[in-house]
Amino acid sequence: MDNTRMSRINRLIQKEISDLFRQQTQSLPGTLITVTSVTVSPDLGVARVRLSIFPSEKAEELLASIRANTKAIRYDLGGRVGKQLRKLPELTFFIDDSLDYLERIDSLLGLKE
């Protein structure tokens, strides 16, 4: 499939899921869930959604909750992008720990005090 179309689909899904999480986390003060990237397979069958969760101590607990509610999230996403996408991909969620990794490197190098 065309690269431009795939990147547009990735950005659309990322924007809409981010908006869904923003609405859901308003009731959880001190919690921030950011969708760092979305990668959709070429056949539009699967979307890999990478999440950055703050505070990172709650990351595994929130990820388990998100994975348990994947069907509801996909249903809400379908209501938002149903007119733009013919086939809505299955969603798989992963933790994006790149920021934690960078902080660890900085602390090991002594750059962060």
PDB file of N, CA and C in Angstrom:
ATOM      1  N   MET A   1       0.846  -1.175   0.000  1.00  0.00           N
ATOM      2  CA  MET A   1       0.000   0.000   0.000  1.00  0.00           C
ATOM      3  C   MET A   1       0.893   1.241   0.000  1.00  0.00           C
ATOM      4  N   ASP A   2       0.389   2.305  -0.488  1.00  0.00           N
ATOM      5  CA  ASP A   2       1.130   3.556  -0.604  1.00  0.00           C
ATOM      6  C   ASP A   2       1.622   4.031   0.767  1.00  0.00           C
ATOM      7  N   ASN A   3       2.892   4.445   0.815  1.00  0.00           N
ATOM      8  CA  ASN A   3       3.490   4.905   2.069  1.00  0.00           C
ATOM      9  C   ASN A   3       2.774   6.116   2.652  1.00  0.00           C
ATOM     10  N   THR A   4       2.350   7.036   1.800  1.00  0.00           N
ATOM     11  CA  THR A   4       1.661   8.227   2.267  1.00  0.00           C
ATOM     12  C   THR A   4       0.332   7.854   2.915  1.00  0.00           C
ATOM     13  N   ARG A   5      -0.385   6.949   2.297  1.00  0.00           N
ATOM     14  CA  ARG A   5      -1.664   6.503   2.858  1.00  0.00           C
ATOM     15  C   ARG A   5      -1.453   5.807   4.199  1.00  0.00           C
ATOM     16  N   MET A   6      -0.446   4.947   4.304  1.00  0.00           N
ATOM     17  CA  MET A   6      -0.171   4.240   5.562  1.00  0.00           C
ATOM     18  C   MET A   6       0.186   5.223   6.673  1.00  0.00           C
ATOM     19  N   SER A   7       0.992   6.218   6.370  1.00  0.00           N
ATOM     20  CA  SER A   7       1.358   7.187   7.409  1.00  0.00           C
ATOM     21  C   SER A   7       0.146   8.017   7.818  1.00  0.00           C
ATOM     22  N   ARG A   8      -0.749   8.315   6.886  1.00  0.00           N
ATOM     23  CA  ARG A   8      -1.980   9.032   7.235  1.00  0.00           C
ATOM     24  C   ARG A   8      -2.877   8.193   8.144  1.00  0.00           C
ATOM     25  N   ILE A   9      -2.981   6.910   7.856  1.00  0.00           N
ATOM     26  CA  ILE A   9      -3.779   6.016   8.684  1.00  0.00           C
ATOM     27  C   ILE A   9      -3.157   5.907  10.076  1.00  0.00           C
ATOM     28  N   ASN A  10      -1.838   5.771  10.134  1.00  0.00           N
ATOM     29  CA  ASN A  10      -1.147   5.712  11.425  1.00  0.00           C
ATOM     30  C   ASN A  10      -1.422   6.958  12.257  1.00  0.00           C
ATOM     31  N   ARG A  11      -1.302   8.125  11.634  1.00  0.00           N
ATOM     32  CA  ARG A  11      -1.521   9.394  12.357  1.00  0.00           C
ATOM     33  C   ARG A  11      -2.976   9.537  12.789  1.00  0.00           C
ATOM     34  N   LEU A  12      -3.908   9.128  11.939  1.00  0.00           N
ATOM     35  CA  LEU A  12      -5.326   9.223  12.274  1.00  0.00           C
ATOM     36  C   LEU A  12      -5.652   8.369  13.496  1.00  0.00           C
ATOM     37  N   ILE A  13      -5.200   7.121  13.477  1.00  0.00           N
ATOM     38  CA  ILE A  13      -5.465   6.231  14.608  1.00  0.00           C
ATOM     39  C   ILE A  13      -4.775   6.749  15.861  1.00  0.00           C
ATOM     40  N   GLN A  14      -3.546   7.246  15.736  1.00  0.00           N
ATOM     41  CA  GLN A  14      -2.820   7.784  16.889  1.00  0.00           C
ATOM     42  C   GLN A  14      -3.566   8.973  17.493  1.00  0.00           C
ATOM     43  N   LYS A  15      -4.048   9.867  16.656  1.00  0.00           N
ATOM     44  CA  LYS A  15      -4.758  11.051  17.136  1.00  0.00           C
ATOM     45  C   LYS A  15      -6.040  10.668  17.860  1.00  0.00           C
ATOM     46  N   GLU A  16      -6.812   9.764  17.276  1.00  0.00           N
ATOM     47  CA  GLU A  16      -8.098   9.395  17.853  1.00  0.00           C
ATOM     48  C   GLU A  16      -7.941   8.598  19.146  1.00  0.00           C
ATOM     49  N   ILE A  17      -6.977   7.683  19.187  1.00  0.00           N
ATOM     50  CA  ILE A  17      -6.753   6.927  20.425  1.00  0.00           C
ATOM     51  C   ILE A  17      -6.222   7.857  21.510  1.00  0.00           C
ATOM     52  N   SER A  18      -5.359   8.795  21.141  1.00  0.00           N
ATOM     53  CA  SER A  18      -4.859   9.773  22.118  1.00  0.00           C
ATOM     54  C   SER A  18      -6.005  10.566  22.715  1.00  0.00           C
ATOM     55  N   ASP A  19      -6.935  10.967  21.873  1.00  0.00           N
ATOM     56  CA  ASP A  19      -8.091  11.725  22.350  1.00  0.00           C
ATOM     57  C   ASP A  19      -8.962  10.865  23.279  1.00  0.00           C
ATOM     58  N   LEU A  20      -9.145   9.594  22.933  1.00  0.00           N
ATOM     59  CA  LEU A  20      -9.901   8.689  23.802  1.00  0.00           C
ATOM     60  C   LEU A  20      -9.237   8.559  25.168  1.00  0.00           C
ATOM     61  N   PHE A  21      -7.919   8.358  25.187  1.00  0.00           N
ATOM     62  CA  PHE A  21      -7.206   8.212  26.458  1.00  0.00           C
ATOM     63  C   PHE A  21      -7.214   9.514  27.253  1.00  0.00           C
ATOM     64  N   ARG A  22      -7.138  10.637  26.567  1.00  0.00           N
ATOM     65  CA  ARG A  22      -7.179  11.928  27.265  1.00  0.00           C
ATOM     66  C   ARG A  22      -8.514  12.088  27.993  1.00  0.00           C
ATOM     67  N   GLN A  23      -9.595  11.717  27.332  1.00  0.00           N
ATOM     68  CA  GLN A  23     -10.911  11.807  27.970  1.00  0.00           C
ATOM     69  C   GLN A  23     -11.036  10.844  29.142  1.00  0.00           C
ATOM     70  N   GLN A  24     -10.496   9.642  28.996  1.00  0.00           N
ATOM     71  CA  GLN A  24     -10.611   8.640  30.048  1.00  0.00           C
ATOM     72  C   GLN A  24      -9.745   8.965  31.262  1.00  0.00           C
ATOM     73  N   THR A  25      -8.580   9.562  31.050  1.00  0.00           N
ATOM     74  CA  THR A  25      -7.670   9.816  32.172  1.00  0.00           C
ATOM     75  C   THR A  25      -7.962  11.124  32.892  1.00  0.00           C
ATOM     76  N   GLN A  26      -8.951  11.878  32.457  1.00  0.00           N
ATOM     77  CA  GLN A  26      -9.323  13.088  33.191  1.00  0.00           C
ATOM     78  C   GLN A  26      -9.818  12.738  34.589  1.00  0.00           C
ATOM     79  N   SER A  27     -10.381  11.550  34.749  1.00  0.00           N
ATOM     80  CA  SER A  27     -10.883  11.139  36.059  1.00  0.00           C
ATOM     81  C   SER A  27      -9.773  10.566  36.949  1.00  0.00           C
ATOM     82  N   LEU A  28      -8.575  10.388  36.390  1.00  0.00           N
ATOM     83  CA  LEU A  28      -7.434   9.871  37.153  1.00  0.00           C
ATOM     84  C   LEU A  28      -6.386  10.969  37.315  1.00  0.00           C
ATOM     85  N   PRO A  29      -6.460  11.764  38.378  1.00  0.00           N
ATOM     86  CA  PRO A  29      -5.480  12.843  38.531  1.00  0.00           C
ATOM     87  C   PRO A  29      -4.064  12.288  38.713  1.00  0.00           C
ATOM     88  N   GLY A  30      -3.114  12.945  38.085  1.00  0.00           N
ATOM     89  CA  GLY A  30      -1.717  12.530  38.204  1.00  0.00           C
ATOM     90  C   GLY A  30      -1.325  11.402  37.276  1.00  0.00           C
ATOM     91  N   THR A  31      -2.202  11.023  36.361  1.00  0.00           N
ATOM     92  CA  THR A  31      -1.905   9.950  35.416  1.00  0.00           C
ATOM     93  C   THR A  31      -1.946  10.508  33.999  1.00  0.00           C
ATOM     94  N   LEU A  32      -0.937  10.168  33.223  1.00  0.00           N
ATOM     95  CA  LEU A  32      -0.854  10.642  31.849  1.00  0.00           C
ATOM     96  C   LEU A  32      -0.518   9.471  30.944  1.00  0.00           C
ATOM     97  N   ILE A  33      -1.358   9.256  29.943  1.00  0.00           N
ATOM     98  CA  ILE A  33      -1.116   8.207  28.948  1.00  0.00           C
ATOM     99  C   ILE A  33      -0.936   8.889  27.605  1.00  0.00           C
ATOM    100  N   THR A  34       0.217   8.662  26.997  1.00  0.00           N
ATOM    101  CA  THR A  34       0.541   9.265  25.710  1.00  0.00           C
ATOM    102  C   THR A  34       0.727   8.167  24.677  1.00  0.00           C
ATOM    103  N   VAL A  35       0.106   8.333  23.527  1.00  0.00           N
ATOM    104  CA  VAL A  35       0.301   7.392  22.423  1.00  0.00           C
ATOM    105  C   VAL A  35       1.512   7.888  21.645  1.00  0.00           C
ATOM    106  N   THR A  36       2.636   7.177  21.784  1.00  0.00           N
ATOM    107  CA  THR A  36       3.872   7.641  21.150  1.00  0.00           C
ATOM    108  C   THR A  36       3.932   7.290  19.673  1.00  0.00           C
ATOM    109  N   SER A  37       3.382   6.124  19.298  1.00  0.00           N
ATOM    110  CA  SER A  37       3.361   5.778  17.879  1.00  0.00           C
ATOM    111  C   SER A  37       2.334   4.693  17.615  1.00  0.00           C
ATOM    112  N   VAL A  38       1.895   4.647  16.378  1.00  0.00           N
ATOM    113  CA  VAL A  38       0.990   3.597  15.901  1.00  0.00           C
ATOM    114  C   VAL A  38       1.564   3.084  14.590  1.00  0.00           C
ATOM    115  N   THR A  39       1.658   1.774  14.484  1.00  0.00           N
ATOM    116  CA  THR A  39       2.121   1.145  13.252  1.00  0.00           C
ATOM    117  C   THR A  39       1.072   0.145  12.814  1.00  0.00           C
ATOM    118  N   VAL A  40       0.488   0.385  11.659  1.00  0.00           N
ATOM    119  CA  VAL A  40      -0.552  -0.491  11.119  1.00  0.00           C
ATOM    120  C   VAL A  40       0.085  -1.411  10.091  1.00  0.00           C
ATOM    121  N   SER A  41      -0.295  -2.685  10.129  1.00  0.00           N
ATOM    122  CA  SER A  41       0.229  -3.640   9.159  1.00  0.00           C
ATOM    123  C   SER A  41      -0.281  -3.280   7.756  1.00  0.00           C
ATOM    124  N   PRO A  42       0.432  -3.686   6.715  1.00  0.00           N
ATOM    125  CA  PRO A  42       0.034  -3.316   5.346  1.00  0.00           C
ATOM    126  C   PRO A  42      -1.370  -3.766   4.948  1.00  0.00           C
ATOM    127  N   ASP A  43      -1.872  -4.855   5.536  1.00  0.00           N
ATOM    128  CA  ASP A  43      -3.213  -5.321   5.198  1.00  0.00           C
ATOM    129  C   ASP A  43      -4.283  -4.702   6.100  1.00  0.00           C
ATOM    130  N   LEU A  44      -3.898  -3.748   6.943  1.00  0.00           N
ATOM    131  CA  LEU A  44      -4.780  -3.056   7.891  1.00  0.00           C
ATOM    132  C   LEU A  44      -5.422  -4.017   8.879  1.00  0.00           C
ATOM    133  N   GLY A  45      -4.757  -5.130   9.161  1.00  0.00           N
ATOM    134  CA  GLY A  45      -5.307  -6.122  10.071  1.00  0.00           C
ATOM    135  C   GLY A  45      -4.978  -5.871  11.528  1.00  0.00           C
ATOM    136  N   VAL A  46      -3.777  -5.345  11.782  1.00  0.00           N
ATOM    137  CA  VAL A  46      -3.309  -5.164  13.154  1.00  0.00           C
ATOM    138  C   VAL A  46      -2.646  -3.801  13.286  1.00  0.00           C
ATOM    139  N   ALA A  47      -2.961  -3.116  14.374  1.00  0.00           N
ATOM    140  CA  ALA A  47      -2.304  -1.841  14.693  1.00  0.00           C
ATOM    141  C   ALA A  47      -1.556  -2.014  15.999  1.00  0.00           C
ATOM    142  N   ARG A  48      -0.257  -1.772  15.971  1.00  0.00           N
ATOM    143  CA  ARG A  48       0.573  -1.828  17.180  1.00  0.00           C
ATOM    144  C   ARG A  48       0.628  -0.422  17.762  1.00  0.00           C
ATOM    145  N   VAL A  49       0.073  -0.264  18.951  1.00  0.00           N
ATOM    146  CA  VAL A  49      -0.021   1.037  19.606  1.00  0.00           C
ATOM    147  C   VAL A  49       0.969   1.047  20.756  1.00  0.00           C
ATOM    148  N   ARG A  50       1.912   1.997  20.711  1.00  0.00           N
ATOM    149  CA  ARG A  50       2.903   2.131  21.779  1.00  0.00           C
ATOM    150  C   ARG A  50       2.507   3.268  22.697  1.00  0.00           C
ATOM    151  N   LEU A  51       2.468   2.969  24.003  1.00  0.00           N
ATOM    152  CA  LEU A  51       2.008   3.927  24.995  1.00  0.00           C
ATOM    153  C   LEU A  51       3.130   4.290  25.952  1.00  0.00           C
ATOM    154  N   SER A  52       3.174   5.554  26.288  1.00  0.00           N
ATOM    155  CA  SER A  52       4.047   6.034  27.346  1.00  0.00           C
ATOM    156  C   SER A  52       3.133   6.408  28.505  1.00  0.00           C
ATOM    157  N   ILE A  53       3.358   5.778  29.655  1.00  0.00           N
ATOM    158  CA  ILE A  53       2.469   5.972  30.801  1.00  0.00           C
ATOM    159  C   ILE A  53       3.257   6.614  31.933  1.00  0.00           C
ATOM    160  N   PHE A  54       2.699   7.707  32.472  1.00  0.00           N
ATOM    161  CA  PHE A  54       3.305   8.394  33.608  1.00  0.00           C
ATOM    162  C   PHE A  54       2.313   8.384  34.745  1.00  0.00           C
ATOM    163  N   PRO A  55       2.655   8.060  35.926  1.00  0.00           N
ATOM    164  CA  PRO A  55       3.967   7.622  36.415  1.00  0.00           C
ATOM    165  C   PRO A  55       4.251   6.182  36.000  1.00  0.00           C
ATOM    166  N   SER A  56       5.508   5.896  35.761  1.00  0.00           N
ATOM    167  CA  SER A  56       5.888   4.582  35.229  1.00  0.00           C
ATOM    168  C   SER A  56       5.666   3.457  36.233  1.00  0.00           C
ATOM    169  N   GLU A  57       5.463   3.787  37.515  1.00  0.00           N
ATOM    170  CA  GLU A  57       5.168   2.748  38.499  1.00  0.00           C
ATOM    171  C   GLU A  57       3.808   2.109  38.227  1.00  0.00           C
ATOM    172  N   LYS A  58       2.897   2.859  37.640  1.00  0.00           N
ATOM    173  CA  LYS A  58       1.550   2.357  37.340  1.00  0.00           C
ATOM    174  C   LYS A  58       1.443   1.764  35.935  1.00  0.00           C
ATOM    175  N   ALA A  59       2.536   1.737  35.203  1.00  0.00           N
ATOM    176  CA  ALA A  59       2.485   1.374  33.783  1.00  0.00           C
ATOM    177  C   ALA A  59       1.920  -0.023  33.554  1.00  0.00           C
ATOM    178  N   GLU A  60       2.441  -1.017  34.264  1.00  0.00           N
ATOM    179  CA  GLU A  60       1.981  -2.393  34.035  1.00  0.00           C
ATOM    180  C   GLU A  60       0.512  -2.561  34.415  1.00  0.00           C
ATOM    181  N   GLU A  61       0.113  -1.936  35.513  1.00  0.00           N
ATOM    182  CA  GLU A  61      -1.279  -2.024  35.968  1.00  0.00           C
ATOM    183  C   GLU A  61      -2.229  -1.388  34.948  1.00  0.00           C
ATOM    184  N   LEU A  62      -1.866  -0.195  34.459  1.00  0.00           N
ATOM    185  CA  LEU A  62      -2.713   0.482  33.467  1.00  0.00           C
ATOM    186  C   LEU A  62      -2.717  -0.254  32.138  1.00  0.00           C
ATOM    187  N   LEU A  63      -1.567  -0.802  31.738  1.00  0.00           N
ATOM    188  CA  LEU A  63      -1.505  -1.551  30.483  1.00  0.00           C
ATOM    189  C   LEU A  63      -2.402  -2.791  30.553  1.00  0.00           C
ATOM    190  N   ALA A  64      -2.416  -3.462  31.687  1.00  0.00           N
ATOM    191  CA  ALA A  64      -3.296  -4.625  31.843  1.00  0.00           C
ATOM    192  C   ALA A  64      -4.758  -4.207  31.743  1.00  0.00           C
ATOM    193  N   SER A  65      -5.099  -3.071  32.325  1.00  0.00           N
ATOM    194  CA  SER A  65      -6.464  -2.560  32.248  1.00  0.00           C
ATOM    195  C   SER A  65      -6.829  -2.183  30.812  1.00  0.00           C
ATOM    196  N   ILE A  66      -5.902  -1.555  30.117  1.00  0.00           N
ATOM    197  CA  ILE A  66      -6.142  -1.168  28.718  1.00  0.00           C
ATOM    198  C   ILE A  66      -6.327  -2.409  27.855  1.00  0.00           C
ATOM    199  N   ARG A  67      -5.476  -3.411  28.061  1.00  0.00           N
ATOM    200  CA  ARG A  67      -5.595  -4.643  27.275  1.00  0.00           C
ATOM    201  C   ARG A  67      -6.916  -5.356  27.558  1.00  0.00           C
ATOM    202  N   ALA A  68      -7.394  -5.273  28.794  1.00  0.00           N
ATOM    203  CA  ALA A  68      -8.674  -5.903  29.135  1.00  0.00           C
ATOM    204  C   ALA A  68      -9.845  -5.179  28.460  1.00  0.00           C
ATOM    205  N   ASN A  69      -9.665  -3.888  28.172  1.00  0.00           N
ATOM    206  CA  ASN A  69     -10.731  -3.087  27.555  1.00  0.00           C
ATOM    207  C   ASN A  69     -10.475  -2.808  26.077  1.00  0.00           C
ATOM    208  N   THR A  70      -9.668  -3.634  25.428  1.00  0.00           N
ATOM    209  CA  THR A  70      -9.321  -3.407  24.020  1.00  0.00           C
ATOM    210  C   THR A  70     -10.557  -3.382  23.123  1.00  0.00           C
ATOM    211  N   LYS A  71     -11.515  -4.259  23.375  1.00  0.00           N
ATOM    212  CA  LYS A  71     -12.715  -4.296  22.530  1.00  0.00           C
ATOM    213  C   LYS A  71     -13.512  -3.004  22.632  1.00  0.00           C
ATOM    214  N   ALA A  72     -13.639  -2.465  23.844  1.00  0.00           N
ATOM    215  CA  ALA A  72     -14.375  -1.209  24.023  1.00  0.00           C
ATOM    216  C   ALA A  72     -13.635  -0.048  23.366  1.00  0.00           C
ATOM    217  N   ILE A  73     -12.307  -0.046  23.470  1.00  0.00           N
ATOM    218  CA  ILE A  73     -11.505   1.016  22.844  1.00  0.00           C
ATOM    219  C   ILE A  73     -11.652   0.930  21.328  1.00  0.00           C
ATOM    220  N   ARG A  74     -11.609  -0.286  20.787  1.00  0.00           N
ATOM    221  CA  ARG A  74     -11.758  -0.464  19.339  1.00  0.00           C
ATOM    222  C   ARG A  74     -13.148  -0.031  18.875  1.00  0.00           C
ATOM    223  N   TYR A  75     -14.166  -0.323  19.674  1.00  0.00           N
ATOM    224  CA  TYR A  75     -15.527   0.091  19.342  1.00  0.00           C
ATOM    225  C   TYR A  75     -15.634   1.617  19.305  1.00  0.00           C
ATOM    226  N   ASP A  76     -15.077   2.287  20.331  1.00  0.00           N
ATOM    227  CA  ASP A  76     -15.099   3.754  20.358  1.00  0.00           C
ATOM    228  C   ASP A  76     -14.311   4.338  19.191  1.00  0.00           C
ATOM    229  N   LEU A  77     -13.175   3.709  18.879  1.00  0.00           N
ATOM    230  CA  LEU A  77     -12.364   4.164  17.749  1.00  0.00           C
ATOM    231  C   LEU A  77     -13.132   3.995  16.442  1.00  0.00           C
ATOM    232  N   GLY A  78     -13.862   2.903  16.314  1.00  0.00           N
ATOM    233  CA  GLY A  78     -14.670   2.667  15.112  1.00  0.00           C
ATOM    234  C   GLY A  78     -15.735   3.727  14.930  1.00  0.00           C
ATOM    235  N   GLY A  79     -16.311   4.200  16.024  1.00  0.00           N
ATOM    236  CA  GLY A  79     -17.303   5.269  15.941  1.00  0.00           C
ATOM    237  C   GLY A  79     -16.703   6.576  15.462  1.00  0.00           C
ATOM    238  N   ARG A  80     -15.421   6.773  15.746  1.00  0.00           N
ATOM    239  CA  ARG A  80     -14.758   8.017  15.351  1.00  0.00           C
ATOM    240  C   ARG A  80     -14.217   7.978  13.924  1.00  0.00           C
ATOM    241  N   VAL A  81     -13.680   6.837  13.490  1.00  0.00           N
ATOM    242  CA  VAL A  81     -13.034   6.772  12.178  1.00  0.00           C
ATOM    243  C   VAL A  81     -13.777   5.862  11.206  1.00  0.00           C
ATOM    244  N   GLY A  82     -14.973   5.448  11.551  1.00  0.00           N
ATOM    245  CA  GLY A  82     -15.729   4.518  10.716  1.00  0.00           C
ATOM    246  C   GLY A  82     -15.987   5.008   9.310  1.00  0.00           C
ATOM    247  N   LYS A  83     -16.134   6.311   9.139  1.00  0.00           N
ATOM    248  CA  LYS A  83     -16.399   6.861   7.805  1.00  0.00           C
ATOM    249  C   LYS A  83     -15.114   7.002   6.978  1.00  0.00           C
ATOM    250  N   GLN A  84     -13.956   6.941   7.649  1.00  0.00           N
ATOM    251  CA  GLN A  84     -12.689   7.163   6.953  1.00  0.00           C
ATOM    252  C   GLN A  84     -11.950   5.865   6.627  1.00  0.00           C
ATOM    253  N   LEU A  85     -12.197   4.822   7.405  1.00  0.00           N
ATOM    254  CA  LEU A  85     -11.543   3.540   7.179  1.00  0.00           C
ATOM    255  C   LEU A  85     -12.591   2.466   6.943  1.00  0.00           C
ATOM    256  N   ARG A  86     -12.388   1.677   5.934  1.00  0.00           N
ATOM    257  CA  ARG A  86     -13.325   0.597   5.645  1.00  0.00           C
ATOM    258  C   ARG A  86     -13.136  -0.542   6.650  1.00  0.00           C
ATOM    259  N   LYS A  87     -11.890  -0.847   6.948  1.00  0.00           N
ATOM    260  CA  LYS A  87     -11.582  -1.942   7.866  1.00  0.00           C
ATOM    261  C   LYS A  87     -10.817  -1.375   9.060  1.00  0.00           C
ATOM    262  N   LEU A  88     -11.329  -1.618  10.241  1.00  0.00           N
ATOM    263  CA  LEU A  88     -10.675  -1.139  11.456  1.00  0.00           C
ATOM    264  C   LEU A  88      -9.753  -2.236  11.973  1.00  0.00           C
ATOM    265  N   PRO A  89      -8.466  -1.938  12.163  1.00  0.00           N
ATOM    266  CA  PRO A  89      -7.526  -2.983  12.590  1.00  0.00           C
ATOM    267  C   PRO A  89      -7.740  -3.412  14.041  1.00  0.00           C
ATOM    268  N   GLU A  90      -7.301  -4.612  14.351  1.00  0.00           N
ATOM    269  CA  GLU A  90      -7.246  -5.080  15.736  1.00  0.00           C
ATOM    270  C   GLU A  90      -6.163  -4.276  16.434  1.00  0.00           C
ATOM    271  N   LEU A  91      -6.380  -3.936  17.691  1.00  0.00           N
ATOM    272  CA  LEU A  91      -5.429  -3.114  18.428  1.00  0.00           C
ATOM    273  C   LEU A  91      -4.613  -3.974  19.379  1.00  0.00           C
ATOM    274  N   THR A  92      -3.302  -3.783  19.355  1.00  0.00           N
ATOM    275  CA  THR A  92      -2.413  -4.403  20.332  1.00  0.00           C
ATOM    276  C   THR A  92      -1.619  -3.289  20.993  1.00  0.00           C
ATOM    277  N   PHE A  93      -1.575  -3.307  22.314  1.00  0.00           N
ATOM    278  CA  PHE A  93      -0.948  -2.237  23.071  1.00  0.00           C
ATOM    279  C   PHE A  93       0.360  -2.705  23.688  1.00  0.00           C
ATOM    280  N   PHE A  94       1.360  -1.809  23.650  1.00  0.00           N
ATOM    281  CA  PHE A  94       2.678  -2.078  24.200  1.00  0.00           C
ATOM    282  C   PHE A  94       3.163  -0.861  24.968  1.00  0.00           C
ATOM    283  N   ILE A  95       4.026  -1.092  25.945  1.00  0.00           N
ATOM    284  CA  ILE A  95       4.652   0.007  26.687  1.00  0.00           C
ATOM    285  C   ILE A  95       5.843   0.506  25.876  1.00  0.00           C
ATOM    286  N   ASP A  96       5.930   1.806  25.713  1.00  0.00           N
ATOM    287  CA  ASP A  96       7.088   2.437  25.083  1.00  0.00           C
ATOM    288  C   ASP A  96       7.946   2.982  26.221  1.00  0.00           C
ATOM    289  N   ASP A  97       8.997   2.266  26.544  1.00  0.00           N
ATOM    290  CA  ASP A  97       9.832   2.651  27.673  1.00  0.00           C
ATOM    291  C   ASP A  97      11.096   3.382  27.239  1.00  0.00           C
ATOM    292  N   SER A  98      11.076   4.012  26.088  1.00  0.00           N
ATOM    293  CA  SER A  98      12.270   4.689  25.588  1.00  0.00           C
ATOM    294  C   SER A  98      12.673   5.863  26.478  1.00  0.00           C
ATOM    295  N   LEU A  99      11.698   6.572  27.069  1.00  0.00           N
ATOM    296  CA  LEU A  99      12.050   7.679  27.954  1.00  0.00           C
ATOM    297  C   LEU A  99      12.699   7.180  29.233  1.00  0.00           C
ATOM    298  N   ASP A 100      12.213   6.076  29.781  1.00  0.00           N
ATOM    299  CA  ASP A 100      12.842   5.480  30.962  1.00  0.00           C
ATOM    300  C   ASP A 100      14.262   5.026  30.639  1.00  0.00           C
ATOM    301  N   TYR A 101      14.433   4.484  29.443  1.00  0.00           N
ATOM    302  CA  TYR A 101      15.746   4.032  28.999  1.00  0.00           C
ATOM    303  C   TYR A 101      16.709   5.215  28.895  1.00  0.00           C
ATOM    304  N   LEU A 102      16.255   6.325  28.337  1.00  0.00           N
ATOM    305  CA  LEU A 102      17.098   7.518  28.224  1.00  0.00           C
ATOM    306  C   LEU A 102      17.465   8.073  29.597  1.00  0.00           C
ATOM    307  N   GLU A 103      16.509   8.090  30.523  1.00  0.00           N
ATOM    308  CA  GLU A 103      16.803   8.558  31.878  1.00  0.00           C
ATOM    309  C   GLU A 103      17.842   7.672  32.546  1.00  0.00           C
ATOM    310  N   ARG A 104      17.748   6.381  32.336  1.00  0.00           N
ATOM    311  CA  ARG A 104      18.724   5.454  32.923  1.00  0.00           C
ATOM    312  C   ARG A 104      20.109   5.693  32.353  1.00  0.00           C
ATOM    313  N   ILE A 105      20.215   5.903  31.067  1.00  0.00           N
ATOM    314  CA  ILE A 105      21.514   6.183  30.446  1.00  0.00           C
ATOM    315  C   ILE A 105      22.091   7.480  30.998  1.00  0.00           C
ATOM    316  N   ASP A 106      21.251   8.518  31.108  1.00  0.00           N
ATOM    317  CA  ASP A 106      21.713   9.792  31.655  1.00  0.00           C
ATOM    318  C   ASP A 106      22.224   9.626  33.088  1.00  0.00           C
ATOM    319  N   SER A 107      21.501   8.845  33.886  1.00  0.00           N
ATOM    320  CA  SER A 107      21.944   8.662  35.278  1.00  0.00           C
ATOM    321  C   SER A 107      23.239   7.859  35.339  1.00  0.00           C
ATOM    322  N   LEU A 108      23.414   6.883  34.452  1.00  0.00           N
ATOM    323  CA  LEU A 108      24.654   6.112  34.437  1.00  0.00           C
ATOM    324  C   LEU A 108      25.837   6.948  33.983  1.00  0.00           C
ATOM    325  N   LEU A 109      25.601   7.876  33.065  1.00  0.00           N
ATOM    326  CA  LEU A 109      26.677   8.746  32.577  1.00  0.00           C
ATOM    327  C   LEU A 109      26.921   9.917  33.509  1.00  0.00           C
ATOM    328  N   GLY A 110      26.056  10.093  34.471  1.00  0.00           N
ATOM    329  CA  GLY A 110      26.215  11.201  35.405  1.00  0.00           C
ATOM    330  C   GLY A 110      25.746  12.529  34.863  1.00  0.00           C
ATOM    331  N   LEU A 111      24.928  12.504  33.814  1.00  0.00           N
ATOM    332  CA  LEU A 111      24.417  13.739  33.213  1.00  0.00           C
ATOM    333  C   LEU A 111      23.227  14.285  33.988  1.00  0.00           C
ATOM    334  N   LYS A 112      22.559  13.406  34.699  1.00  0.00           N
ATOM    335  CA  LYS A 112      21.368  13.830  35.436  1.00  0.00           C
ATOM    336  C   LYS A 112      21.652  13.733  36.923  1.00  0.00           C
ATOM    337  N   GLU A 113      21.387  14.792  37.613  1.00  0.00           N
ATOM    338  CA  GLU A 113      21.705  14.805  39.047  1.00  0.00           C
ATOM    339  C   GLU A 113      20.461  14.671  39.877  1.00  0.00           C
TER     340      GLU A 113
END
